[in-house]
Protein backbone atom coordinates (compact mmCIF):
# COMPACT_ATOMS: atom_id res chain seq x y z
CA MET A 1 -78.08 -30.88 -123.08
CA VAL A 2 -74.48 -30.44 -124.29
CA ILE A 3 -73.32 -29.53 -120.77
CA ILE A 4 -74.97 -32.61 -119.28
CA ILE A 5 -73.38 -34.95 -121.83
CA ALA A 6 -69.99 -33.24 -121.37
CA PHE A 7 -70.29 -33.70 -117.60
CA ILE A 8 -71.25 -37.38 -117.93
CA SER A 9 -68.39 -37.99 -120.40
CA GLY A 10 -65.90 -36.27 -118.10
CA PHE A 11 -67.20 -38.20 -115.11
CA ILE A 12 -66.82 -41.54 -116.92
CA MET A 13 -63.31 -40.54 -118.04
CA SER A 14 -62.42 -39.58 -114.46
CA ILE A 15 -63.60 -42.94 -113.14
CA GLY A 16 -61.51 -44.67 -115.80
CA LEU A 17 -58.42 -42.67 -114.82
CA ILE A 18 -58.94 -43.52 -111.15
CA VAL A 19 -59.56 -47.24 -111.75
CA SER A 20 -56.59 -47.53 -114.13
CA GLY A 21 -54.20 -45.91 -111.66
CA MET A 22 -53.32 -43.02 -113.97
CA ILE A 23 -53.83 -40.53 -111.13
CA ASN A 24 -51.18 -42.28 -109.02
CA PRO A 25 -47.82 -40.67 -109.88
CA GLN A 26 -45.90 -43.66 -108.48
CA LYS A 27 -47.70 -46.02 -110.85
CA VAL A 28 -46.98 -43.74 -113.81
CA ILE A 29 -43.31 -43.30 -112.85
CA GLY A 30 -43.08 -47.10 -112.42
CA PHE A 31 -44.36 -47.49 -115.97
CA LEU A 32 -41.74 -45.07 -117.26
CA ASP A 33 -38.90 -46.63 -115.23
CA LEU A 34 -37.74 -49.14 -117.86
CA PHE A 35 -34.50 -50.03 -116.09
CA GLY A 36 -35.70 -49.99 -112.47
CA HIS A 37 -38.98 -51.15 -110.95
CA PHE A 38 -40.85 -51.29 -114.25
CA ASP A 39 -44.65 -51.65 -113.95
CA PRO A 40 -46.14 -52.59 -117.36
CA THR A 41 -49.80 -52.41 -116.32
CA LEU A 42 -50.40 -48.96 -117.81
CA ALA A 43 -49.53 -50.40 -121.23
CA PHE A 44 -52.89 -52.19 -121.11
CA VAL A 45 -54.63 -48.91 -120.30
CA MET A 46 -52.89 -47.25 -123.25
CA ALA A 47 -53.68 -50.16 -125.58
CA GLY A 48 -57.35 -49.97 -124.62
CA ALA A 49 -57.44 -46.21 -125.11
CA LEU A 50 -55.69 -46.42 -128.47
CA SER A 51 -57.99 -49.15 -129.76
CA VAL A 52 -61.13 -47.20 -128.81
CA SER A 53 -59.63 -44.00 -130.26
CA ALA A 54 -58.66 -45.73 -133.50
CA VAL A 55 -62.20 -46.99 -134.05
CA GLY A 56 -63.67 -43.60 -133.13
CA TYR A 57 -61.27 -41.74 -135.39
CA ARG A 58 -62.20 -44.05 -138.29
CA LEU A 59 -65.91 -43.35 -137.72
CA VAL A 60 -65.37 -39.58 -137.69
CA GLY A 61 -64.93 -39.48 -141.46
CA SER A 62 -68.24 -41.20 -142.14
CA SER A 63 -70.58 -39.53 -139.66
CA LYS A 64 -71.74 -36.25 -138.17
CA PRO A 65 -71.53 -35.37 -134.47
CA LEU A 66 -74.76 -35.56 -132.50
CA LEU A 67 -74.41 -32.26 -130.64
CA CYS A 68 -72.54 -29.92 -133.00
CA GLU A 69 -72.09 -29.19 -136.69
CA THR A 70 -68.66 -30.73 -137.31
CA PHE A 71 -65.89 -32.65 -135.61
CA ASP A 72 -63.04 -30.43 -134.42
CA LEU A 73 -60.05 -32.30 -135.82
CA PRO A 74 -56.44 -31.06 -135.93
CA LYS A 75 -55.71 -29.14 -139.10
CA ARG A 76 -51.92 -29.51 -138.93
CA ASN A 77 -50.34 -32.86 -139.71
CA LYS A 78 -46.73 -31.74 -140.12
CA ILE A 79 -44.09 -33.10 -137.75
CA ASP A 80 -41.94 -30.07 -137.07
CA ARG A 81 -39.50 -28.77 -134.47
CA GLN A 82 -42.32 -27.24 -132.40
CA LEU A 83 -44.19 -30.55 -132.20
CA ILE A 84 -41.06 -32.53 -131.28
CA LEU A 85 -40.02 -29.98 -128.64
CA GLY A 86 -43.52 -29.94 -127.16
CA ALA A 87 -43.60 -33.74 -127.02
CA VAL A 88 -40.20 -33.86 -125.32
CA ILE A 89 -41.24 -31.26 -122.73
CA PHE A 90 -44.50 -33.13 -122.10
CA GLY A 91 -42.65 -36.45 -121.71
CA VAL A 92 -40.03 -35.04 -119.36
CA GLY A 93 -42.73 -33.37 -117.26
CA TRP A 94 -44.77 -36.57 -117.18
CA GLY A 95 -41.71 -38.56 -116.12
CA LEU A 96 -40.67 -36.11 -113.41
CA ALA A 97 -44.09 -35.37 -111.94
CA GLY A 98 -45.96 -38.59 -112.73
CA PHE A 99 -48.93 -36.55 -113.94
CA CYS A 100 -50.29 -35.55 -117.30
CA PRO A 101 -53.09 -32.97 -117.61
CA GLY A 102 -56.19 -35.21 -117.44
CA PRO A 103 -55.22 -37.27 -114.42
CA ALA A 104 -53.85 -34.15 -112.70
CA ILE A 105 -57.22 -32.40 -113.00
CA VAL A 106 -58.93 -35.48 -111.55
CA GLY A 107 -56.34 -35.40 -108.75
CA VAL A 108 -57.22 -31.75 -108.05
CA GLY A 109 -60.87 -32.77 -107.77
CA LEU A 110 -59.84 -35.42 -105.24
CA GLY A 111 -57.78 -32.86 -103.30
CA PHE A 112 -54.30 -34.28 -104.03
CA PHE A 113 -51.77 -31.62 -103.07
CA LYS A 114 -49.19 -32.69 -105.69
CA ALA A 115 -51.85 -32.52 -108.39
CA ILE A 116 -52.82 -29.00 -107.30
CA ILE A 117 -49.18 -27.87 -107.57
CA PHE A 118 -48.86 -29.58 -110.96
CA VAL A 119 -52.01 -27.93 -112.35
CA ILE A 120 -50.91 -24.49 -111.13
CA ALA A 121 -47.54 -25.02 -112.87
CA MET A 122 -49.29 -26.34 -115.99
CA LEU A 123 -51.64 -23.36 -116.21
CA THR A 124 -48.72 -20.98 -115.66
CA GLY A 125 -46.81 -22.67 -118.49
CA MET A 126 -49.84 -22.47 -120.77
CA PHE A 127 -50.26 -18.78 -119.99
CA LEU A 128 -46.56 -18.04 -120.61
CA ALA A 129 -46.55 -20.06 -123.84
CA ARG A 130 -49.43 -18.01 -125.21
CA LYS A 131 -47.55 -14.82 -124.37
CA GLN A 132 -44.47 -16.00 -126.34
CA VAL A 133 -46.13 -17.37 -129.50
CA PRO A 134 -47.56 -14.75 -131.88
């Protein structure tokens, strides 16, 4: 049952990423290009995602998950050098490639060559990062 619900959730998320344009690197780069051909439409996507997440996050404290024992929430809440550096690297990568992990994986499923290259690079980076951090 858990696999079926995970698949349905992922499918709905994928449809949302496609409809919103998040899998189109040009749209994402246009959103990040504040001083050029700025495209503000992804701000609405982000606002919608943040509002749903905020409500969901609030409900987490007062309920139990349906399909597991507990919610898996982050245990660290410290803003440190590692977090800042990771956020900067993520942002630079997002700005250069026009992909972040979720939309890139959807792009791989759709057969987008640039998404395939991005995901290979992302997985390589994840592998190398695990080798460096004790």
